[in-house]
C-alpha atoms as a PDB file:
ATOM      1  CA  MET A   1      18.076  -2.367 -19.253  1.00  0.00           C
ATOM      2  CA  LYS A   2      16.188  -0.865 -16.332  1.00  0.00           C
ATOM      3  CA  THR A   3      14.919  -3.197 -13.650  1.00  0.00           C
ATOM      4  CA  LEU A   4      11.500  -2.905 -12.051  1.00  0.00           C
ATOM      5  CA  GLN A   5      13.224  -1.262  -9.080  1.00  0.00           C
ATOM      6  CA  ASP A   6      14.662   1.442 -11.367  1.00  0.00           C
ATOM      7  CA  GLN A   7      11.302   2.175 -13.012  1.00  0.00           C
ATOM      8  CA  GLN A   8       9.251   2.876  -9.908  1.00  0.00           C
ATOM      9  CA  THR A   9       9.922   4.431  -6.543  1.00  0.00           C
ATOM     10  CA  PHE A  10       8.649   1.412  -4.634  1.00  0.00           C
ATOM     11  CA  TYR A  11       9.635  -2.253  -4.683  1.00  0.00           C
ATOM     12  CA  ILE A  12       8.788  -4.903  -2.094  1.00  0.00           C
ATOM     13  CA  ALA A  13      10.137  -8.316  -3.066  1.00  0.00           C
ATOM     14  CA  LYS A  14       7.659 -10.388  -1.060  1.00  0.00           C
ATOM     15  CA  LEU A  15       4.772  -8.574  -2.773  1.00  0.00           C
ATOM     16  CA  GLU A  16       6.086  -9.565  -6.204  1.00  0.00           C
ATOM     17  CA  LEU A  17       4.741 -13.078  -5.685  1.00  0.00           C
ATOM     18  CA  PRO A  18       1.795 -13.997  -7.930  1.00  0.00           C
ATOM     19  CA  PHE A  19      -1.595 -14.228  -6.222  1.00  0.00           C
ATOM     20  CA  ASP A  20      -2.691 -17.807  -5.649  1.00  0.00           C
ATOM     21  CA  ASN A  21      -5.461 -17.524  -3.065  1.00  0.00           C
ATOM     22  CA  TRP A  22      -6.356 -15.819   0.211  1.00  0.00           C
ATOM     23  CA  ASP A  23      -4.842 -18.603   2.311  1.00  0.00           C
ATOM     24  CA  TYR A  24      -1.586 -18.286   0.382  1.00  0.00           C
ATOM     25  CA  LEU A  25      -1.316 -14.589   1.268  1.00  0.00           C
ATOM     26  CA  LYS A  26      -2.105 -15.290   4.911  1.00  0.00           C
ATOM     27  CA  GLU A  27       0.439 -18.120   5.103  1.00  0.00           C
ATOM     28  CA  ALA A  28       3.076 -15.871   3.518  1.00  0.00           C
ATOM     29  CA  GLY A  29       2.321 -13.188   6.134  1.00  0.00           C
ATOM     30  CA  ILE A  30       1.093 -10.757   3.503  1.00  0.00           C
ATOM     31  CA  ASN A  31      -1.758  -8.370   4.267  1.00  0.00           C
ATOM     32  CA  ARG A  32      -4.224  -8.522   1.376  1.00  0.00           C
ATOM     33  CA  THR A  33      -4.879  -4.762   1.376  1.00  0.00           C
ATOM     34  CA  VAL A  34      -1.158  -4.030   0.952  1.00  0.00           C
ATOM     35  CA  TYR A  35      -0.777  -6.770  -1.655  1.00  0.00           C
ATOM     36  CA  PHE A  36      -3.534  -5.563  -3.932  1.00  0.00           C
ATOM     37  CA  ALA A  37      -2.648  -1.870  -3.513  1.00  0.00           C
ATOM     38  CA  TYR A  38       0.944  -2.713  -4.425  1.00  0.00           C
ATOM     39  CA  GLN A  39       0.000  -4.814  -7.457  1.00  0.00           C
ATOM     40  CA  LYS A  40      -2.495  -2.283  -8.826  1.00  0.00           C
ATOM     41  CA  SER A  41      -0.140   0.660  -8.269  1.00  0.00           C
ATOM     42  CA  LYS A  42       2.638  -1.198 -10.082  1.00  0.00           C
ATOM     43  CA  GLU A  43       0.324  -2.177 -12.953  1.00  0.00           C
ATOM     44  CA  ILE A  44      -0.899   1.389 -13.484  1.00  0.00           C
ATOM     45  CA  GLY A  45       2.590   2.858 -13.127  1.00  0.00           C
ATOM     46  CA  LYS A  46       2.046   4.969 -10.039  1.00  0.00           C
ATOM     47  CA  GLU A  47       5.058   6.563  -8.397  1.00  0.00           C
ATOM     48  CA  LEU A  48       3.952   5.504  -4.918  1.00  0.00           C
ATOM     49  CA  ILE A  49       1.872   2.674  -3.531  1.00  0.00           C
ATOM     50  CA  ASP A  50      -1.699   3.955  -3.595  1.00  0.00           C
ATOM     51  CA  PHE A  51      -4.570   2.608  -1.544  1.00  0.00           C
ATOM     52  CA  ASP A  52      -7.602   3.206  -3.745  1.00  0.00           C
ATOM     53  CA  ASP A  53      -9.916   0.792  -1.975  1.00  0.00           C
ATOM     54  CA  THR A  54     -11.341   0.632   1.540  1.00  0.00           C
ATOM     55  CA  ILE A  55      -8.798   0.349   4.334  1.00  0.00           C
ATOM     56  CA  TRP A  56     -10.313  -1.497   7.275  1.00  0.00           C
ATOM     57  CA  PRO A  57      -9.303  -0.434  10.800  1.00  0.00           C
ATOM     58  CA  ASP A  58      -7.823  -3.881  11.479  1.00  0.00           C
ATOM     59  CA  ASP A  59      -5.514  -3.534   8.445  1.00  0.00           C
ATOM     60  CA  VAL A  60      -3.733  -0.322   9.444  1.00  0.00           C
ATOM     61  CA  GLU A  61      -1.090  -1.839  11.743  1.00  0.00           C
ATOM     62  CA  ALA A  62      -0.258  -4.580   9.213  1.00  0.00           C
ATOM     63  CA  ILE A  63      -0.040  -2.021   6.398  1.00  0.00           C
ATOM     64  CA  VAL A  64       2.323   0.199   8.388  1.00  0.00           C
ATOM     65  CA  ALA A  65       4.446  -2.771   9.515  1.00  0.00           C
ATOM     66  CA  THR A  66       4.782  -4.140   5.972  1.00  0.00           C
ATOM     67  CA  LEU A  67       5.685  -0.779   4.498  1.00  0.00           C
ATOM     68  CA  ARG A  68       8.191   0.035   7.250  1.00  0.00           C
ATOM     69  CA  GLU A  69       9.920  -3.352   7.160  1.00  0.00           C
ATOM     70  CA  ASN A  70      10.479  -2.830   3.447  1.00  0.00           C
ATOM     71  CA  GLY A  71      11.705   0.764   3.671  1.00  0.00           C
ATOM     72  CA  THR A  72       8.614   2.383   2.172  1.00  0.00           C
ATOM     73  CA  THR A  73       8.233   5.829   3.710  1.00  0.00           C
ATOM     74  CA  GLU A  74       5.537   7.348   1.487  1.00  0.00           C
ATOM     75  CA  PHE A  75       2.247   6.144   0.078  1.00  0.00           C
ATOM     76  CA  THR A  76      -1.007   7.678  -1.072  1.00  0.00           C
ATOM     77  CA  ILE A  77      -4.657   7.040  -0.249  1.00  0.00           C
ATOM     78  CA  SER A  78      -7.075   7.871  -3.051  1.00  0.00           C
ATOM     79  CA  CYS A  79     -10.098   5.922  -1.878  1.00  0.00           C
ATOM     80  CA  ARG A  80     -13.096   8.129  -1.232  1.00  0.00           C
ATOM     81  CA  PHE A  81     -14.634   6.051   1.526  1.00  0.00           C
ATOM     82  CA  CYS A  82     -16.502   7.944   4.226  1.00  0.00           C
ATOM     83  CA  ASP A  83     -14.281   6.817   7.119  1.00  0.00           C
ATOM     84  CA  LEU A  84     -11.121   8.318   5.633  1.00  0.00           C
ATOM     85  CA  ILE A  85     -10.574  10.739   8.533  1.00  0.00           C
ATOM     86  CA  ASP A  86     -10.856   7.841  10.987  1.00  0.00           C
ATOM     87  CA  ARG A  87      -8.302   5.798   8.984  1.00  0.00           C
ATOM     88  CA  LEU A  88      -5.932   8.771   8.846  1.00  0.00           C
ATOM     89  CA  ALA A  89      -6.198   8.952  12.635  1.00  0.00           C
ATOM     90  CA  ASP A  90      -5.409   5.212  12.819  1.00  0.00           C
ATOM     91  CA  PHE A  91      -2.300   5.736  10.681  1.00  0.00           C
ATOM     92  CA  GLU A  92      -1.290   8.635  12.935  1.00  0.00           C
ATOM     93  CA  LYS A  93      -1.573   6.341  15.986  1.00  0.00           C
ATOM     94  CA  CYS A  94       0.898   4.008  14.234  1.00  0.00           C
ATOM     95  CA  GLY A  95       3.370   6.871  13.843  1.00  0.00           C
ATOM     96  CA  CYS A  96       2.540   7.977  10.294  1.00  0.00           C
ATOM     97  CA  LYS A  97       2.137  11.636   9.409  1.00  0.00           C
ATOM     98  CA  MET A  98       0.061  13.140   6.631  1.00  0.00           C
ATOM     99  CA  ASN A  99       2.342  15.088   4.323  1.00  0.00           C
ATOM    100  CA  GLY A 100      -0.258  16.920   2.255  1.00  0.00           C
ATOM    101  CA  VAL A 101      -2.678  16.451  -0.565  1.00  0.00           C
ATOM    102  CA  THR A 102      -1.745  15.431  -4.108  1.00  0.00           C
ATOM    103  CA  GLU A 103      -3.338  14.238  -7.335  1.00  0.00           C
ATOM    104  CA  VAL A 104      -3.028  10.510  -7.937  1.00  0.00           C
ATOM    105  CA  LYS A 105      -2.732   8.901 -11.376  1.00  0.00           C
ATOM    106  CA  THR A 106      -5.796   6.793 -12.180  1.00  0.00           C
ATOM    107  CA  ALA A 107      -6.226   3.844 -14.523  1.00  0.00           C
END
């Protein structure tokens, strides 16, 4: 039988915890943007973690740190918010590089 890790290209154990409340995520050191992107991507069956909602400037460093500490080297951003270029620049400042454009599976 395949495990969850075998079925998707991403798996972060600490993000497998069920959502209790905002304070719970904060106490566990989990950025809410990463948590919900991870959960939704897993639920839909995406190959990579996809950020399909607004990414706030203050979240970028925490997103990058969480993904790096768990060995995640690729993710997608499918949100159409108007500050996308600014967020891409923020990710670049944290050492991330844009690798191209792709279609992302939607719900």
